[in-house]
All heavy atoms as atom14 arrays in JSON, in Angstrom:
{
  "sequence": "RALKGERRAGLEIFTKVYWPTGPGRNDRGLS",
  "atom14_mask": [
    [1, 1, 1, 1, 1, 1, 1, 1, 1, 1, 1, 0, 0, 0],
    [1, 1, 1, 1, 1, 0, 0, 0, 0, 0, 0, 0, 0, 0],
    [1, 1, 1, 1, 1, 1, 1, 1, 0, 0, 0, 0, 0, 0],
    [1, 1, 1, 1, 1, 1, 1, 1, 1, 0, 0, 0, 0, 0],
    [1, 1, 1, 1, 0, 0, 0, 0, 0, 0, 0, 0, 0, 0],
    [1, 1, 1, 1, 1, 1, 1, 1, 1, 0, 0, 0, 0, 0],
    [1, 1, 1, 1, 1, 1, 1, 1, 1, 1, 1, 0, 0, 0],
    [1, 1, 1, 1, 1, 1, 1, 1, 1, 1, 1, 0, 0, 0],
    [1, 1, 1, 1, 1, 0, 0, 0, 0, 0, 0, 0, 0, 0],
    [1, 1, 1, 1, 0, 0, 0, 0, 0, 0, 0, 0, 0, 0],
    [1, 1, 1, 1, 1, 1, 1, 1, 0, 0, 0, 0, 0, 0],
    [1, 1, 1, 1, 1, 1, 1, 1, 1, 0, 0, 0, 0, 0],
    [1, 1, 1, 1, 1, 1, 1, 1, 0, 0, 0, 0, 0, 0],
    [1, 1, 1, 1, 1, 1, 1, 1, 1, 1, 1, 0, 0, 0],
    [1, 1, 1, 1, 1, 1, 1, 0, 0, 0, 0, 0, 0, 0],
    [1, 1, 1, 1, 1, 1, 1, 1, 1, 0, 0, 0, 0, 0],
    [1, 1, 1, 1, 1, 1, 1, 0, 0, 0, 0, 0, 0, 0],
    [1, 1, 1, 1, 1, 1, 1, 1, 1, 1, 1, 1, 0, 0],
    [1, 1, 1, 1, 1, 1, 1, 1, 1, 1, 1, 1, 1, 1],
    [1, 1, 1, 1, 1, 1, 1, 0, 0, 0, 0, 0, 0, 0],
    [1, 1, 1, 1, 1, 1, 1, 0, 0, 0, 0, 0, 0, 0],
    [1, 1, 1, 1, 0, 0, 0, 0, 0, 0, 0, 0, 0, 0],
    [1, 1, 1, 1, 1, 1, 1, 0, 0, 0, 0, 0, 0, 0],
    [1, 1, 1, 1, 0, 0, 0, 0, 0, 0, 0, 0, 0, 0],
    [1, 1, 1, 1, 1, 1, 1, 1, 1, 1, 1, 0, 0, 0],
    [1, 1, 1, 1, 1, 1, 1, 1, 0, 0, 0, 0, 0, 0],
    [1, 1, 1, 1, 1, 1, 1, 1, 0, 0, 0, 0, 0, 0],
    [1, 1, 1, 1, 1, 1, 1, 1, 1, 1, 1, 0, 0, 0],
    [1, 1, 1, 1, 0, 0, 0, 0, 0, 0, 0, 0, 0, 0],
    [1, 1, 1, 1, 1, 1, 1, 1, 0, 0, 0, 0, 0, 0],
    [1, 1, 1, 1, 1, 1, 0, 0, 0, 0, 0, 0, 0, 0]
  ],
  "atom14_positions": [
    [[-13.27, -6.84, -9.77], [-14.6, -6.44, -10.28], [-15.01, -7.32, -11.47], [-16.19, -7.67, -11.62], [-14.58, -4.96, -10.68], [-14.52, -4.01, -9.49], [-14.79, -2.57, -9.89], [-13.71, -1.99, -10.67], [-12.68, -1.31, -10.15], [-12.6, -1.14, -8.83], [-11.74, -0.8, -10.93], [0.0, 0.0, 0.0], [0.0, 0.0, 0.0], [0.0, 0.0, 0.0]],
    [[-14.04, -7.68, -12.32], [-14.36, -8.47, -13.5], [-14.81, -9.89, -13.13], [-15.63, -10.49, -13.83], [-13.15, -8.54, -14.42], [0.0, 0.0, 0.0], [0.0, 0.0, 0.0], [0.0, 0.0, 0.0], [0.0, 0.0, 0.0], [0.0, 0.0, 0.0], [0.0, 0.0, 0.0], [0.0, 0.0, 0.0], [0.0, 0.0, 0.0], [0.0, 0.0, 0.0]],
    [[-14.28, -10.42, -12.04], [-14.62, -11.79, -11.64], [-15.78, -11.85, -10.65], [-16.23, -12.94, -10.28], [-13.4, -12.47, -11.01], [-12.23, -12.78, -11.97], [-11.06, -13.35, -11.2], [-12.67, -13.74, -13.08], [0.0, 0.0, 0.0], [0.0, 0.0, 0.0], [0.0, 0.0, 0.0], [0.0, 0.0, 0.0], [0.0, 0.0, 0.0], [0.0, 0.0, 0.0]],
    [[-16.26, -10.7, -10.22], [-17.35, -10.67, -9.25], [-18.58, -11.38, -9.82], [-18.97, -11.16, -10.96], [-17.7, -9.23, -8.89], [-18.69, -9.11, -7.74], [-18.89, -7.66, -7.33], [-19.82, -7.56, -6.14], [-20.03, -6.13, -5.73], [0.0, 0.0, 0.0], [0.0, 0.0, 0.0], [0.0, 0.0, 0.0], [0.0, 0.0, 0.0], [0.0, 0.0, 0.0]],
    [[-19.16, -12.25, -9.04], [-20.33, -12.99, -9.48], [-20.0, -14.36, -10.05], [-20.9, -15.19, -10.22], [0.0, 0.0, 0.0], [0.0, 0.0, 0.0], [0.0, 0.0, 0.0], [0.0, 0.0, 0.0], [0.0, 0.0, 0.0], [0.0, 0.0, 0.0], [0.0, 0.0, 0.0], [0.0, 0.0, 0.0], [0.0, 0.0, 0.0], [0.0, 0.0, 0.0]],
    [[-18.72, -14.6, -10.35], [-18.32, -15.93, -10.81], [-18.25, -16.88, -9.62], [-17.99, -16.46, -8.5], [-16.95, -15.87, -11.5], [-16.92, -15.05, -12.78], [-17.8, -15.63, -13.87], [-17.86, -16.88, -13.98], [-18.41, -14.84, -14.61], [0.0, 0.0, 0.0], [0.0, 0.0, 0.0], [0.0, 0.0, 0.0], [0.0, 0.0, 0.0], [0.0, 0.0, 0.0]],
    [[-18.47, -18.16, -9.87], [-18.39, -19.15, -8.79], [-16.95, -19.25, -8.32], [-16.07, -19.69, -9.06], [-18.9, -20.5, -9.28], [-19.1, -21.52, -8.15], [-19.72, -22.8, -8.7], [-18.75, -23.58, -9.45], [-17.94, -24.51, -8.92], [-18.0, -24.75, -7.61], [-17.1, -25.18, -9.66], [0.0, 0.0, 0.0], [0.0, 0.0, 0.0], [0.0, 0.0, 0.0]],
    [[-16.67, -18.83, -7.08], [-15.3, -18.72, -6.61], [-14.58, -20.07, -6.63], [-13.38, -20.14, -6.97], [-15.28, -18.15, -5.17], [-13.88, -17.99, -4.57], [-13.06, -16.98, -5.35], [-11.69, -16.88, -4.84], [-10.69, -17.65, -5.25], [-10.91, -18.61, -6.15], [-9.47, -17.48, -4.77], [0.0, 0.0, 0.0], [0.0, 0.0, 0.0], [0.0, 0.0, 0.0]],
    [[-15.27, -21.14, -6.3], [-14.63, -22.45, -6.25], [-14.21, -22.94, -7.64], [-13.4, -23.86, -7.76], [-15.56, -23.48, -5.6], [0.0, 0.0, 0.0], [0.0, 0.0, 0.0], [0.0, 0.0, 0.0], [0.0, 0.0, 0.0], [0.0, 0.0, 0.0], [0.0, 0.0, 0.0], [0.0, 0.0, 0.0], [0.0, 0.0, 0.0], [0.0, 0.0, 0.0]],
    [[-14.73, -22.32, -8.68], [-14.38, -22.7, -10.04], [-13.21, -21.93, -10.61], [-12.86, -22.11, -11.78], [0.0, 0.0, 0.0], [0.0, 0.0, 0.0], [0.0, 0.0, 0.0], [0.0, 0.0, 0.0], [0.0, 0.0, 0.0], [0.0, 0.0, 0.0], [0.0, 0.0, 0.0], [0.0, 0.0, 0.0], [0.0, 0.0, 0.0], [0.0, 0.0, 0.0]],
    [[-12.61, -21.06, -9.8], [-11.5, -20.21, -10.25], [-10.25, -20.5, -9.44], [-10.32, -20.92, -8.28], [-11.86, -18.73, -10.09], [-13.13, -18.23, -10.77], [-13.39, -16.79, -10.35], [-13.01, -18.34, -12.29], [0.0, 0.0, 0.0], [0.0, 0.0, 0.0], [0.0, 0.0, 0.0], [0.0, 0.0, 0.0], [0.0, 0.0, 0.0], [0.0, 0.0, 0.0]],
    [[-9.1, -20.23, -10.05], [-7.83, -20.23, -9.33], [-7.25, -18.83, -9.47], [-6.88, -18.42, -10.59], [-6.85, -21.27, -9.91], [-7.4, -22.69, -9.92], [-8.23, -22.98, -11.16], [-7.78, -22.63, -12.27], [-9.35, -23.54, -11.02], [0.0, 0.0, 0.0], [0.0, 0.0, 0.0], [0.0, 0.0, 0.0], [0.0, 0.0, 0.0], [0.0, 0.0, 0.0]],
    [[-7.2, -18.09, -8.38], [-6.75, -16.7, -8.41], [-5.39, -16.61, -7.72], [-5.24, -17.03, -6.57], [-7.77, -15.77, -7.72], [-9.12, -15.84, -8.45], [-7.25, -14.33, -7.7], [-10.22, -15.02, -7.78], [0.0, 0.0, 0.0], [0.0, 0.0, 0.0], [0.0, 0.0, 0.0], [0.0, 0.0, 0.0], [0.0, 0.0, 0.0], [0.0, 0.0, 0.0]],
    [[-4.42, -16.08, -8.44], [-3.06, -15.96, -7.93], [-2.67, -14.48, -7.82], [-3.02, -13.67, -8.68], [-2.04, -16.59, -8.91], [-2.27, -18.04, -9.24], [-1.59, -18.61, -10.31], [-3.15, -18.84, -8.51], [-1.76, -19.94, -10.63], [-3.34, -20.17, -8.83], [-2.63, -20.73, -9.9], [0.0, 0.0, 0.0], [0.0, 0.0, 0.0], [0.0, 0.0, 0.0]],
    [[-1.95, -14.13, -6.77], [-1.37, -12.79, -6.71], [0.01, -12.87, -6.05], [0.47, -13.95, -5.68], [-2.29, -11.79, -5.99], [-1.83, -10.46, -6.25], [-2.37, -12.03, -4.49], [0.0, 0.0, 0.0], [0.0, 0.0, 0.0], [0.0, 0.0, 0.0], [0.0, 0.0, 0.0], [0.0, 0.0, 0.0], [0.0, 0.0, 0.0], [0.0, 0.0, 0.0]],
    [[0.66, -11.71, -5.93], [2.07, -11.69, -5.49], [2.33, -10.5, -4.57], [1.57, -9.52, -4.56], [3.01, -11.59, -6.7], [2.69, -12.54, -7.84], [3.67, -12.36, -8.99], [3.13, -12.96, -10.26], [2.05, -12.16, -10.85], [0.0, 0.0, 0.0], [0.0, 0.0, 0.0], [0.0, 0.0, 0.0], [0.0, 0.0, 0.0], [0.0, 0.0, 0.0]],
    [[3.46, -10.6, -3.85], [3.89, -9.55, -2.93], [5.4, -9.38, -3.03], [6.12, -10.36, -3.16], [3.47, -9.89, -1.47], [4.01, -11.25, -1.04], [3.94, -8.81, -0.5], [0.0, 0.0, 0.0], [0.0, 0.0, 0.0], [0.0, 0.0, 0.0], [0.0, 0.0, 0.0], [0.0, 0.0, 0.0], [0.0, 0.0, 0.0], [0.0, 0.0, 0.0]],
    [[5.88, -8.17, -2.99], [7.3, -7.82, -2.88], [7.52, -6.36, -3.28], [8.08, -5.58, -2.53], [8.21, -8.71, -3.73], [9.65, -8.19, -3.78], [10.53, -8.45, -2.73], [10.1, -7.41, -4.84], [11.84, -7.96, -2.76], [11.39, -6.91, -4.89], [12.26, -7.18, -3.84], [13.53, -6.7, -3.87], [0.0, 0.0, 0.0], [0.0, 0.0, 0.0]],
    [[7.11, -5.99, -4.49], [7.43, -4.67, -5.03], [6.67, -3.58, -4.29], [5.63, -3.85, -3.66], [7.12, -4.62, -6.52], [7.97, -5.52, -7.34], [7.6, -6.73, -7.89], [9.34, -5.33, -7.71], [8.66, -7.28, -8.57], [9.74, -6.45, -8.49], [10.27, -4.31, -7.46], [11.02, -6.58, -9.01], [11.55, -4.44, -7.99], [11.92, -5.56, -8.76]],
    [[7.12, -2.34, -4.34], [6.48, -1.26, -3.57], [5.01, -1.06, -3.93], [4.65, -1.02, -5.1], [7.3, -0.03, -3.94], [8.63, -0.56, -4.37], [8.34, -1.86, -5.04], [0.0, 0.0, 0.0], [0.0, 0.0, 0.0], [0.0, 0.0, 0.0], [0.0, 0.0, 0.0], [0.0, 0.0, 0.0], [0.0, 0.0, 0.0], [0.0, 0.0, 0.0]],
    [[4.2, -0.91, -2.91], [2.77, -0.58, -3.11], [2.4, 0.71, -2.4], [1.23, 1.05, -2.31], [1.88, -1.73, -2.6], [2.26, -2.05, -1.25], [2.03, -2.96, -3.47], [0.0, 0.0, 0.0], [0.0, 0.0, 0.0], [0.0, 0.0, 0.0], [0.0, 0.0, 0.0], [0.0, 0.0, 0.0], [0.0, 0.0, 0.0], [0.0, 0.0, 0.0]],
    [[3.39, 1.41, -1.88], [3.15, 2.68, -1.19], [4.48, 3.39, -0.97], [5.54, 2.86, -1.29], [0.0, 0.0, 0.0], [0.0, 0.0, 0.0], [0.0, 0.0, 0.0], [0.0, 0.0, 0.0], [0.0, 0.0, 0.0], [0.0, 0.0, 0.0], [0.0, 0.0, 0.0], [0.0, 0.0, 0.0], [0.0, 0.0, 0.0], [0.0, 0.0, 0.0]],
    [[4.43, 4.59, -0.4], [5.65, 5.39, -0.26], [6.51, 5.03, 0.95], [7.67, 5.44, 1.03], [5.09, 6.81, -0.1], [3.76, 6.61, 0.57], [3.22, 5.33, 0.01], [0.0, 0.0, 0.0], [0.0, 0.0, 0.0], [0.0, 0.0, 0.0], [0.0, 0.0, 0.0], [0.0, 0.0, 0.0], [0.0, 0.0, 0.0], [0.0, 0.0, 0.0]],
    [[5.98, 4.27, 1.88], [6.7, 3.99, 3.12], [7.83, 3.0, 2.94], [7.82, 2.17, 2.03], [0.0, 0.0, 0.0], [0.0, 0.0, 0.0], [0.0, 0.0, 0.0], [0.0, 0.0, 0.0], [0.0, 0.0, 0.0], [0.0, 0.0, 0.0], [0.0, 0.0, 0.0], [0.0, 0.0, 0.0], [0.0, 0.0, 0.0], [0.0, 0.0, 0.0]],
    [[8.79, 3.05, 3.84], [9.95, 2.16, 3.73], [9.57, 0.71, 3.99], [10.3, -0.2, 3.6], [11.04, 2.62, 4.7], [10.67, 2.52, 6.19], [11.7, 3.22, 7.05], [11.65, 4.66, 6.82], [12.52, 5.54, 7.35], [13.49, 5.1, 8.12], [12.4, 6.82, 7.11], [0.0, 0.0, 0.0], [0.0, 0.0, 0.0], [0.0, 0.0, 0.0]],
    [[8.43, 0.47, 4.63], [7.96, -0.89, 4.85], [6.86, -1.31, 3.89], [6.27, -2.38, 4.05], [7.47, -1.06, 6.29], [8.63, -1.11, 7.28], [9.57, -1.88, 7.09], [8.57, -0.28, 8.31], [0.0, 0.0, 0.0], [0.0, 0.0, 0.0], [0.0, 0.0, 0.0], [0.0, 0.0, 0.0], [0.0, 0.0, 0.0], [0.0, 0.0, 0.0]],
    [[6.59, -0.48, 2.88], [5.58, -0.81, 1.87], [6.18, -1.62, 0.73], [5.78, -1.48, -0.43], [4.95, 0.47, 1.31], [4.13, 1.22, 2.32], [3.58, 0.58, 3.22], [4.04, 2.46, 2.2], [0.0, 0.0, 0.0], [0.0, 0.0, 0.0], [0.0, 0.0, 0.0], [0.0, 0.0, 0.0], [0.0, 0.0, 0.0], [0.0, 0.0, 0.0]],
    [[7.13, -2.48, 1.04], [7.85, -3.24, 0.02], [8.59, -4.38, 0.69], [8.73, -4.43, 1.91], [8.84, -2.32, -0.7], [9.91, -1.75, 0.24], [10.45, -0.42, -0.28], [9.41, 0.6, -0.22], [9.28, 1.57, -1.11], [10.11, 1.65, -2.13], [8.31, 2.46, -0.99], [0.0, 0.0, 0.0], [0.0, 0.0, 0.0], [0.0, 0.0, 0.0]],
    [[9.07, -5.32, -0.12], [9.87, -6.41, 0.43], [9.02, -7.55, 0.99], [7.81, -7.62, 0.78], [0.0, 0.0, 0.0], [0.0, 0.0, 0.0], [0.0, 0.0, 0.0], [0.0, 0.0, 0.0], [0.0, 0.0, 0.0], [0.0, 0.0, 0.0], [0.0, 0.0, 0.0], [0.0, 0.0, 0.0], [0.0, 0.0, 0.0], [0.0, 0.0, 0.0]],
    [[9.68, -8.44, 1.71], [9.03, -9.62, 2.25], [9.15, -9.7, 3.77], [9.22, -10.78, 4.35], [9.61, -10.89, 1.61], [9.41, -11.04, 0.1], [10.09, -12.31, -0.4], [7.93, -11.04, -0.28], [0.0, 0.0, 0.0], [0.0, 0.0, 0.0], [0.0, 0.0, 0.0], [0.0, 0.0, 0.0], [0.0, 0.0, 0.0], [0.0, 0.0, 0.0]],
    [[9.18, -8.54, 4.42], [9.13, -8.53, 5.88], [7.76, -9.05, 6.33], [6.79, -9.02, 5.58], [9.32, -7.12, 6.43], [8.2, -6.3, 6.09], [0.0, 0.0, 0.0], [0.0, 0.0, 0.0], [0.0, 0.0, 0.0], [0.0, 0.0, 0.0], [0.0, 0.0, 0.0], [0.0, 0.0, 0.0], [0.0, 0.0, 0.0], [0.0, 0.0, 0.0]]
  ]
}
């Protein structure tokens, strides 16, 4: 929401995956 309206090509946005994001046994890891 904070970056909405900014020129996307002028930004470098990084995110990550691994830690739990839900209660399920497959809501985590790098499967």
